Amino acid sequence: PVSKDLKEGETLSSHFDCEAEGNPPPKTVWLKDSKEFDSSKILTRTDGGVYQLKTMNKYGFATATVTVTVGLLSAAEENVEVREGGSIVLKCSADGNPAPTYEWKYPIADNVQEITKDGVSTVNITRASSSNDRVYECHAKNRYGVATKNITLTVGKFTFLPRRGV
C-alpha cells in the first residue's frame, strides 16, 4: 500500500498517473468503499481514506491500494506573543476522517494546562514567564497519518512610558 498526503482542493488524478496496457485495452477505475470514485473530483477533508485503483479487461484485473489523507491541520506554523504575567490560549484544530486525536509536546510547567473539547485542543498558559518562551508542538493523528503544528510563544516584558506634555 502507498500513503499520500493531499491538500484540500487537489485531485487524485493530479498526484497519481496510472497507465495500463492490455489486449483488449483495460479500463481503469478508482474505488472508495467499493464504489467508483471520480479521480478528477476536487478533494475535501472528508475524502480521506483507503482507495483502490482497479484495472480490468475481459481476461482479468489488477489492483493497487492507496491511503489518502486530505488536509489535517488549520496551519502548520504560528507565532504568538504574551506579556510577562499574562495569560494566553494556544489552539490546535484539525479536520480528518476519522476525527484526529491530539498530542502536545512542551516542557511541563505548573502554569500550563492542556484541554481538548469539541475537536479543538488547547494549551492554556497563566502567569506567563520566560520559562514558557518556547515552541509548542501539536500533533493531530488518525489512522491515516499525523500532521504537526508548531506554535512559537514569545513572552515579553513591556515597559510603559509616560506620555509627554501631561
N, C-alpha and C. Protein backbone atom coordinates (compact mmCIF):
# COMPACT_ATOMS: atom_id res chain seq x y z
N PRO A 1 0.82 -1.20 0.00
CA PRO A 1 0.00 0.00 0.00
C PRO A 1 0.87 1.26 0.00
N VAL A 2 0.38 2.28 -0.65
CA VAL A 2 1.05 3.58 -0.74
C VAL A 2 0.27 4.57 0.11
N SER A 3 0.96 5.48 0.81
CA SER A 3 0.30 6.54 1.56
C SER A 3 0.65 7.87 0.92
N LYS A 4 -0.34 8.77 0.87
CA LYS A 4 -0.12 10.07 0.23
C LYS A 4 -0.90 11.13 0.98
N ASP A 5 -0.24 12.25 1.30
CA ASP A 5 -0.91 13.40 1.91
C ASP A 5 -1.26 14.39 0.81
N LEU A 6 -2.54 14.72 0.70
CA LEU A 6 -3.01 15.68 -0.29
C LEU A 6 -3.64 16.86 0.42
N LYS A 7 -3.71 17.99 -0.28
CA LYS A 7 -4.34 19.17 0.28
C LYS A 7 -5.75 19.30 -0.25
N GLU A 8 -6.59 19.90 0.56
CA GLU A 8 -7.96 20.19 0.14
C GLU A 8 -7.88 21.01 -1.15
N GLY A 9 -8.72 20.66 -2.14
CA GLY A 9 -8.72 21.37 -3.42
C GLY A 9 -7.93 20.66 -4.50
N GLU A 10 -7.15 19.63 -4.14
CA GLU A 10 -6.41 18.85 -5.14
C GLU A 10 -7.27 17.68 -5.61
N THR A 11 -6.75 16.92 -6.58
CA THR A 11 -7.45 15.74 -7.10
C THR A 11 -6.54 14.53 -7.04
N LEU A 12 -7.14 13.35 -7.07
CA LEU A 12 -6.33 12.12 -7.13
C LEU A 12 -5.54 12.08 -8.43
N SER A 13 -6.20 12.45 -9.54
CA SER A 13 -5.54 12.35 -10.85
C SER A 13 -4.34 13.29 -10.98
N SER A 14 -4.29 14.35 -10.17
CA SER A 14 -3.13 15.25 -10.25
C SER A 14 -1.91 14.67 -9.53
N HIS A 15 -2.10 13.62 -8.74
CA HIS A 15 -0.99 13.02 -8.00
C HIS A 15 -0.65 11.59 -8.42
N PHE A 16 -1.58 10.92 -9.07
CA PHE A 16 -1.35 9.54 -9.45
C PHE A 16 -1.55 9.39 -10.95
N ASP A 17 -0.52 8.89 -11.62
CA ASP A 17 -0.58 8.66 -13.05
C ASP A 17 -0.63 7.15 -13.27
N CYS A 18 -1.76 6.67 -13.75
CA CYS A 18 -1.91 5.23 -13.93
C CYS A 18 -1.96 4.90 -15.42
N GLU A 19 -1.05 4.05 -15.83
CA GLU A 19 -1.05 3.57 -17.21
C GLU A 19 -1.12 2.05 -17.18
N ALA A 20 -2.02 1.50 -17.97
CA ALA A 20 -2.15 0.05 -18.05
C ALA A 20 -2.26 -0.35 -19.52
N GLU A 21 -1.63 -1.46 -19.85
CA GLU A 21 -1.68 -1.96 -21.22
C GLU A 21 -2.29 -3.34 -21.22
N GLY A 22 -2.96 -3.68 -22.31
CA GLY A 22 -3.55 -5.00 -22.45
C GLY A 22 -4.30 -5.09 -23.76
N ASN A 23 -4.71 -6.31 -24.10
CA ASN A 23 -5.49 -6.54 -25.31
C ASN A 23 -6.64 -7.45 -24.94
N PRO A 24 -7.84 -6.95 -24.90
CA PRO A 24 -8.26 -5.59 -25.25
C PRO A 24 -7.76 -4.58 -24.21
N PRO A 25 -7.69 -3.27 -24.60
CA PRO A 25 -7.23 -2.24 -23.67
C PRO A 25 -8.06 -2.26 -22.38
N PRO A 26 -7.39 -2.22 -21.23
CA PRO A 26 -8.11 -2.29 -19.96
C PRO A 26 -8.77 -0.96 -19.58
N LYS A 27 -9.78 -1.09 -18.74
CA LYS A 27 -10.46 0.07 -18.15
C LYS A 27 -9.88 0.23 -16.74
N THR A 28 -9.65 1.48 -16.34
CA THR A 28 -9.11 1.76 -15.01
C THR A 28 -10.10 2.61 -14.23
N VAL A 29 -10.38 2.21 -12.99
CA VAL A 29 -11.30 2.97 -12.13
C VAL A 29 -10.70 3.09 -10.73
N TRP A 30 -11.08 4.18 -10.05
CA TRP A 30 -10.77 4.36 -8.64
C TRP A 30 -11.98 3.93 -7.83
N LEU A 31 -11.75 3.22 -6.73
CA LEU A 31 -12.84 2.79 -5.84
C LEU A 31 -12.56 3.28 -4.43
N LYS A 32 -13.61 3.74 -3.77
CA LYS A 32 -13.55 4.05 -2.34
C LYS A 32 -14.78 3.43 -1.71
N ASP A 33 -14.58 2.65 -0.67
CA ASP A 33 -15.69 1.93 -0.03
C ASP A 33 -16.46 1.10 -1.05
N SER A 34 -15.73 0.47 -1.96
CA SER A 34 -16.28 -0.42 -3.01
C SER A 34 -17.16 0.31 -4.02
N LYS A 35 -17.13 1.64 -4.04
CA LYS A 35 -17.91 2.41 -5.01
C LYS A 35 -16.96 3.19 -5.89
N GLU A 36 -17.33 3.36 -7.16
CA GLU A 36 -16.49 4.10 -8.09
C GLU A 36 -16.35 5.55 -7.63
N PHE A 37 -15.11 6.08 -7.74
CA PHE A 37 -14.80 7.43 -7.29
C PHE A 37 -14.17 8.19 -8.45
N ASP A 38 -14.67 9.38 -8.75
CA ASP A 38 -14.16 10.20 -9.85
C ASP A 38 -12.81 10.80 -9.44
N SER A 39 -11.73 10.37 -10.10
CA SER A 39 -10.38 10.81 -9.72
C SER A 39 -10.13 12.28 -10.05
N SER A 40 -11.02 12.91 -10.83
CA SER A 40 -10.86 14.34 -11.13
C SER A 40 -11.66 15.22 -10.16
N LYS A 41 -12.36 14.58 -9.21
CA LYS A 41 -13.15 15.32 -8.21
C LYS A 41 -12.21 16.12 -7.31
N ILE A 42 -12.60 17.36 -7.04
CA ILE A 42 -11.85 18.20 -6.10
C ILE A 42 -12.04 17.60 -4.69
N LEU A 43 -10.92 17.30 -4.03
CA LEU A 43 -10.98 16.63 -2.73
C LEU A 43 -11.28 17.61 -1.59
N THR A 44 -12.07 17.11 -0.63
CA THR A 44 -12.31 17.82 0.61
C THR A 44 -11.77 16.96 1.74
N ARG A 45 -11.76 17.48 2.95
CA ARG A 45 -11.18 16.75 4.08
C ARG A 45 -11.90 15.43 4.34
N THR A 46 -13.17 15.34 4.00
CA THR A 46 -13.91 14.10 4.25
C THR A 46 -13.58 13.01 3.24
N ASP A 47 -12.80 13.33 2.21
CA ASP A 47 -12.44 12.33 1.20
C ASP A 47 -11.24 11.48 1.59
N GLY A 48 -10.63 11.73 2.73
CA GLY A 48 -9.52 10.90 3.18
C GLY A 48 -9.97 9.46 3.38
N GLY A 49 -9.08 8.51 3.15
CA GLY A 49 -9.42 7.11 3.36
C GLY A 49 -8.60 6.19 2.48
N VAL A 50 -9.05 4.95 2.37
CA VAL A 50 -8.37 3.94 1.58
C VAL A 50 -9.05 3.82 0.22
N TYR A 51 -8.24 3.92 -0.82
CA TYR A 51 -8.73 3.83 -2.20
C TYR A 51 -8.09 2.63 -2.88
N GLN A 52 -8.83 2.07 -3.83
CA GLN A 52 -8.28 1.01 -4.68
C GLN A 52 -8.28 1.51 -6.11
N LEU A 53 -7.17 1.29 -6.79
CA LEU A 53 -7.06 1.57 -8.21
C LEU A 53 -7.18 0.22 -8.90
N LYS A 54 -8.24 0.05 -9.70
CA LYS A 54 -8.52 -1.25 -10.31
C LYS A 54 -8.46 -1.12 -11.83
N THR A 55 -7.66 -1.97 -12.45
CA THR A 55 -7.54 -2.04 -13.90
C THR A 55 -8.05 -3.40 -14.35
N MET A 56 -8.93 -3.40 -15.38
CA MET A 56 -9.53 -4.68 -15.77
C MET A 56 -9.86 -4.73 -17.26
N ASN A 57 -9.83 -5.94 -17.78
CA ASN A 57 -10.40 -6.24 -19.10
C ASN A 57 -11.04 -7.62 -18.98
N LYS A 58 -11.49 -8.19 -20.10
CA LYS A 58 -12.23 -9.46 -20.03
C LYS A 58 -11.37 -10.63 -19.55
N TYR A 59 -10.05 -10.47 -19.51
CA TYR A 59 -9.18 -11.56 -19.09
C TYR A 59 -8.76 -11.50 -17.62
N GLY A 60 -9.06 -10.38 -16.97
CA GLY A 60 -8.68 -10.31 -15.56
C GLY A 60 -8.56 -8.88 -15.07
N PHE A 61 -7.98 -8.74 -13.87
CA PHE A 61 -7.85 -7.40 -13.28
C PHE A 61 -6.61 -7.35 -12.38
N ALA A 62 -6.19 -6.13 -12.08
CA ALA A 62 -5.10 -5.87 -11.14
C ALA A 62 -5.53 -4.69 -10.27
N THR A 63 -5.11 -4.71 -9.00
CA THR A 63 -5.48 -3.62 -8.10
C THR A 63 -4.25 -3.10 -7.35
N ALA A 64 -4.34 -1.85 -6.95
CA ALA A 64 -3.34 -1.23 -6.08
C ALA A 64 -4.11 -0.46 -5.01
N THR A 65 -3.59 -0.46 -3.79
CA THR A 65 -4.25 0.22 -2.69
C THR A 65 -3.47 1.47 -2.31
N VAL A 66 -4.21 2.56 -2.09
CA VAL A 66 -3.61 3.84 -1.73
C VAL A 66 -4.37 4.41 -0.53
N THR A 67 -3.63 4.83 0.49
CA THR A 67 -4.23 5.52 1.63
C THR A 67 -4.01 7.01 1.44
N VAL A 68 -5.11 7.77 1.44
CA VAL A 68 -5.04 9.21 1.18
C VAL A 68 -5.48 9.98 2.43
N THR A 69 -4.67 10.93 2.84
CA THR A 69 -5.01 11.85 3.91
C THR A 69 -5.18 13.22 3.29
N VAL A 70 -6.31 13.88 3.57
CA VAL A 70 -6.58 15.19 2.99
C VAL A 70 -6.59 16.24 4.09
N GLY A 71 -5.68 17.20 3.98
CA GLY A 71 -5.60 18.40 4.80
C GLY A 71 -6.00 18.28 6.24
N LEU A 72 -5.09 17.93 7.13
CA LEU A 72 -5.44 17.81 8.54
C LEU A 72 -5.42 19.13 9.30
N LEU A 73 -4.32 19.82 9.34
CA LEU A 73 -4.19 20.96 10.24
C LEU A 73 -4.61 22.28 9.63
N SER A 74 -5.08 23.18 10.51
CA SER A 74 -5.51 24.50 10.06
C SER A 74 -4.33 25.36 9.62
N ALA A 75 -3.20 25.26 10.24
CA ALA A 75 -1.98 25.98 9.86
C ALA A 75 -0.79 25.23 10.44
N ALA A 76 0.34 25.24 9.74
CA ALA A 76 1.49 24.47 10.19
C ALA A 76 2.40 25.25 11.13
N GLU A 77 2.42 26.57 11.02
CA GLU A 77 3.29 27.41 11.84
C GLU A 77 2.50 28.60 12.37
N GLU A 78 2.82 29.03 13.57
CA GLU A 78 2.17 30.21 14.13
C GLU A 78 3.12 30.84 15.15
N ASN A 79 3.17 32.17 15.15
CA ASN A 79 3.96 32.90 16.14
C ASN A 79 3.02 33.76 16.96
N VAL A 80 3.11 33.65 18.30
CA VAL A 80 2.24 34.42 19.18
C VAL A 80 3.07 35.06 20.29
N GLU A 81 2.53 36.15 20.84
CA GLU A 81 3.21 36.86 21.92
C GLU A 81 2.27 37.04 23.10
N VAL A 82 2.85 37.07 24.29
CA VAL A 82 2.10 37.36 25.51
C VAL A 82 3.02 38.16 26.43
N ARG A 83 2.44 39.07 27.19
CA ARG A 83 3.26 39.83 28.14
C ARG A 83 3.56 38.97 29.35
N GLU A 84 4.68 39.24 29.99
CA GLU A 84 5.06 38.51 31.19
C GLU A 84 3.98 38.71 32.25
N GLY A 85 3.53 37.60 32.86
CA GLY A 85 2.46 37.64 33.85
C GLY A 85 1.07 37.50 33.26
N GLY A 86 0.97 37.57 31.94
CA GLY A 86 -0.33 37.46 31.27
C GLY A 86 -0.73 36.02 31.01
N SER A 87 -1.89 35.87 30.38
CA SER A 87 -2.42 34.54 30.04
C SER A 87 -2.62 34.45 28.53
N ILE A 88 -2.53 33.24 28.01
CA ILE A 88 -2.73 33.01 26.58
C ILE A 88 -3.25 31.59 26.37
N VAL A 89 -4.02 31.40 25.31
CA VAL A 89 -4.53 30.09 24.92
C VAL A 89 -3.96 29.76 23.54
N LEU A 90 -3.23 28.65 23.44
CA LEU A 90 -2.70 28.17 22.16
C LEU A 90 -3.67 27.13 21.63
N LYS A 91 -4.13 27.31 20.38
CA LYS A 91 -5.15 26.42 19.83
C LYS A 91 -4.59 25.56 18.70
N CYS A 92 -5.08 24.33 18.66
CA CYS A 92 -4.74 23.41 17.59
C CYS A 92 -6.03 22.71 17.18
N SER A 93 -6.43 22.90 15.92
CA SER A 93 -7.62 22.22 15.45
C SER A 93 -7.30 21.54 14.13
N ALA A 94 -7.96 20.44 13.88
CA ALA A 94 -7.70 19.67 12.68
C ALA A 94 -8.98 19.00 12.21
N ASP A 95 -9.05 18.78 10.92
CA ASP A 95 -10.16 18.03 10.34
C ASP A 95 -9.59 16.75 9.77
N GLY A 96 -10.33 15.70 9.89
CA GLY A 96 -9.92 14.44 9.32
C GLY A 96 -11.03 13.43 9.45
N ASN A 97 -10.94 12.38 8.70
CA ASN A 97 -11.93 11.32 8.74
C ASN A 97 -11.18 10.00 8.80
N PRO A 98 -11.15 9.35 9.99
CA PRO A 98 -11.83 9.67 11.24
C PRO A 98 -11.22 10.89 11.93
N ALA A 99 -11.98 11.47 12.87
CA ALA A 99 -11.53 12.66 13.60
C ALA A 99 -10.20 12.36 14.29
N PRO A 100 -9.27 13.31 14.23
CA PRO A 100 -7.96 13.07 14.83
C PRO A 100 -7.96 13.21 16.35
N THR A 101 -6.96 12.59 16.96
CA THR A 101 -6.66 12.81 18.37
C THR A 101 -5.44 13.73 18.42
N TYR A 102 -5.21 14.35 19.57
CA TYR A 102 -4.14 15.34 19.69
C TYR A 102 -3.11 14.92 20.72
N GLU A 103 -1.87 15.30 20.43
CA GLU A 103 -0.79 15.12 21.39
C GLU A 103 0.08 16.38 21.32
N TRP A 104 0.30 17.01 22.46
CA TRP A 104 1.14 18.19 22.54
C TRP A 104 2.51 17.81 23.08
N LYS A 105 3.55 18.53 22.63
CA LYS A 105 4.90 18.35 23.18
C LYS A 105 5.40 19.72 23.62
N TYR A 106 5.69 19.83 24.91
CA TYR A 106 6.20 21.05 25.51
C TYR A 106 6.70 20.70 26.91
N PRO A 107 7.56 21.54 27.49
CA PRO A 107 8.03 21.25 28.85
C PRO A 107 6.90 21.41 29.87
N ILE A 108 6.83 20.49 30.79
CA ILE A 108 5.79 20.53 31.83
C ILE A 108 6.06 21.71 32.76
N ALA A 109 4.99 22.44 33.07
CA ALA A 109 5.10 23.57 34.00
C ALA A 109 3.79 23.67 34.78
N ASP A 110 3.87 24.21 35.99
CA ASP A 110 2.68 24.34 36.84
C ASP A 110 1.62 25.26 36.26
N ASN A 111 2.03 26.20 35.42
CA ASN A 111 1.10 27.20 34.89
C ASN A 111 0.56 26.85 33.50
N VAL A 112 0.74 25.60 33.08
CA VAL A 112 0.30 25.16 31.75
C VAL A 112 -0.72 24.03 31.89
N GLN A 113 -1.86 24.18 31.22
CA GLN A 113 -2.91 23.16 31.28
C GLN A 113 -3.37 22.84 29.86
N GLU A 114 -3.52 21.57 29.57
CA GLU A 114 -3.94 21.09 28.25
C GLU A 114 -5.40 20.64 28.31
N ILE A 115 -6.22 21.09 27.33
CA ILE A 115 -7.64 20.72 27.28
C ILE A 115 -8.02 20.41 25.84
N THR A 116 -8.77 19.32 25.63
CA THR A 116 -9.33 19.02 24.31
C THR A 116 -10.83 18.92 24.46
N LYS A 117 -11.54 19.72 23.64
CA LYS A 117 -13.00 19.75 23.72
C LYS A 117 -13.56 20.12 22.35
N ASP A 118 -14.59 19.41 21.91
CA ASP A 118 -15.28 19.69 20.65
C ASP A 118 -14.34 19.78 19.46
N GLY A 119 -13.36 18.87 19.39
CA GLY A 119 -12.46 18.81 18.24
C GLY A 119 -11.36 19.85 18.21
N VAL A 120 -11.21 20.61 19.30
CA VAL A 120 -10.16 21.62 19.39
C VAL A 120 -9.32 21.31 20.63
N SER A 121 -8.00 21.30 20.45
CA SER A 121 -7.11 21.06 21.58
C SER A 121 -6.41 22.38 21.91
N THR A 122 -6.35 22.71 23.19
CA THR A 122 -5.73 23.96 23.61
C THR A 122 -4.71 23.72 24.71
N VAL A 123 -3.73 24.61 24.76
CA VAL A 123 -2.80 24.70 25.88
C VAL A 123 -3.03 26.07 26.48
N ASN A 124 -3.46 26.09 27.75
CA ASN A 124 -3.75 27.34 28.45
C ASN A 124 -2.58 27.67 29.37
N ILE A 125 -2.03 28.86 29.19
CA ILE A 125 -0.88 29.30 29.99
C ILE A 125 -1.31 30.52 30.80
N THR A 126 -1.14 30.43 32.12
CA THR A 126 -1.44 31.55 33.00
C THR A 126 -0.14 32.02 33.65
N ARG A 127 -0.10 33.29 34.05
CA ARG A 127 1.10 33.85 34.68
C ARG A 127 2.35 33.53 33.87
N ALA A 128 2.31 33.87 32.58
CA ALA A 128 3.41 33.54 31.67
C ALA A 128 4.73 34.12 32.15
N SER A 129 5.78 33.32 31.99
CA SER A 129 7.13 33.76 32.36
C SER A 129 8.10 33.34 31.26
N SER A 130 9.34 33.73 31.41
CA SER A 130 10.35 33.40 30.39
C SER A 130 10.50 31.89 30.22
N SER A 131 10.15 31.10 31.24
CA SER A 131 10.24 29.63 31.10
C SER A 131 9.21 29.08 30.12
N ASN A 132 8.17 29.87 29.81
CA ASN A 132 7.16 29.46 28.83
C ASN A 132 7.52 29.90 27.41
N ASP A 133 8.60 30.64 27.26
CA ASP A 133 9.04 31.18 25.98
C ASP A 133 9.72 30.06 25.18
N ARG A 134 8.97 29.45 24.26
CA ARG A 134 9.49 28.29 23.51
C ARG A 134 8.53 27.88 22.41
N VAL A 135 8.84 26.76 21.74
CA VAL A 135 7.98 26.21 20.68
C VAL A 135 7.10 25.12 21.29
N TYR A 136 5.80 25.19 21.01
CA TYR A 136 4.84 24.18 21.45
C TYR A 136 4.42 23.41 20.21
N GLU A 137 4.55 22.08 20.26
CA GLU A 137 4.21 21.23 19.11
C GLU A 137 2.88 20.54 19.35
N CYS A 138 2.00 20.61 18.35
CA CYS A 138 0.74 19.88 18.39
C CYS A 138 0.76 18.84 17.28
N HIS A 139 0.47 17.60 17.63
CA HIS A 139 0.39 16.52 16.65
C HIS A 139 -1.06 16.04 16.57
N ALA A 140 -1.65 16.14 15.39
CA ALA A 140 -3.01 15.64 15.14
C ALA A 140 -2.85 14.30 14.43
N LYS A 141 -3.46 13.26 14.98
CA LYS A 141 -3.25 11.90 14.45
C LYS A 141 -4.58 11.21 14.19
N ASN A 142 -4.63 10.46 13.10
CA ASN A 142 -5.67 9.45 12.92
C ASN A 142 -5.01 8.26 12.25
N ARG A 143 -5.77 7.26 11.90
CA ARG A 143 -5.15 6.03 11.39
C ARG A 143 -4.47 6.23 10.04
N TYR A 144 -4.72 7.36 9.37
CA TYR A 144 -4.12 7.61 8.08
C TYR A 144 -2.86 8.46 8.14
N GLY A 145 -2.57 9.03 9.30
CA GLY A 145 -1.35 9.83 9.35
C GLY A 145 -1.31 10.81 10.51
N VAL A 146 -0.27 11.63 10.48
CA VAL A 146 -0.01 12.62 11.53
C VAL A 146 0.30 13.95 10.85
N ALA A 147 -0.23 15.03 11.40
CA ALA A 147 0.13 16.37 10.96
C ALA A 147 0.61 17.15 12.18
N THR A 148 1.59 18.01 11.98
CA THR A 148 2.20 18.74 13.09
C THR A 148 2.05 20.24 12.91
N LYS A 149 1.74 20.91 14.00
CA LYS A 149 1.68 22.38 14.02
C LYS A 149 2.65 22.86 15.10
N ASN A 150 3.51 23.81 14.75
CA ASN A 150 4.44 24.40 15.71
C ASN A 150 3.98 25.82 16.03
N ILE A 151 3.80 26.09 17.32
CA ILE A 151 3.42 27.42 17.78
C ILE A 151 4.58 27.97 18.60
N THR A 152 5.17 29.06 18.12
CA THR A 152 6.28 29.69 18.83
C THR A 152 5.72 30.79 19.72
N LEU A 153 5.89 30.63 21.03
CA LEU A 153 5.41 31.60 22.01
C LEU A 153 6.57 32.47 22.48
N THR A 154 6.37 33.78 22.39
CA THR A 154 7.35 34.73 22.91
C THR A 154 6.73 35.45 24.09
N VAL A 155 7.40 35.37 25.24
CA VAL A 155 6.94 36.05 26.45
C VAL A 155 7.79 37.31 26.59
N GLY A 156 7.12 38.48 26.58
CA GLY A 156 7.86 39.74 26.59
C GLY A 156 7.60 40.57 27.82
N LYS A 157 8.59 41.39 28.15
CA LYS A 157 8.44 42.39 29.21
C LYS A 157 8.12 43.70 28.51
N PHE A 158 7.04 44.30 28.91
CA PHE A 158 6.64 45.56 28.29
C PHE A 158 6.83 46.68 29.30
N THR A 159 7.40 47.77 28.84
CA THR A 159 7.60 48.94 29.68
C THR A 159 6.65 50.03 29.22
N PHE A 160 5.94 50.60 30.16
CA PHE A 160 5.02 51.68 29.84
C PHE A 160 5.74 53.00 30.04
N LEU A 161 5.76 53.83 29.00
CA LEU A 161 6.41 55.13 29.07
C LEU A 161 5.36 56.20 29.33
N PRO A 162 5.67 57.17 30.19
CA PRO A 162 4.69 58.24 30.43
C PRO A 162 4.53 59.10 29.18
N ARG A 163 3.34 59.60 28.98
CA ARG A 163 3.10 60.48 27.84
C ARG A 163 3.75 61.82 28.10
N ARG A 164 4.28 62.41 27.06
CA ARG A 164 4.91 63.73 27.20
C ARG A 164 3.84 64.82 27.17
N GLY A 165 4.11 65.88 27.89
CA GLY A 165 3.22 67.02 27.87
C GLY A 165 2.00 66.87 28.74
N VAL A 166 2.03 65.97 29.70
CA VAL A 166 0.88 65.79 30.57
C VAL A 166 1.11 66.50 31.87
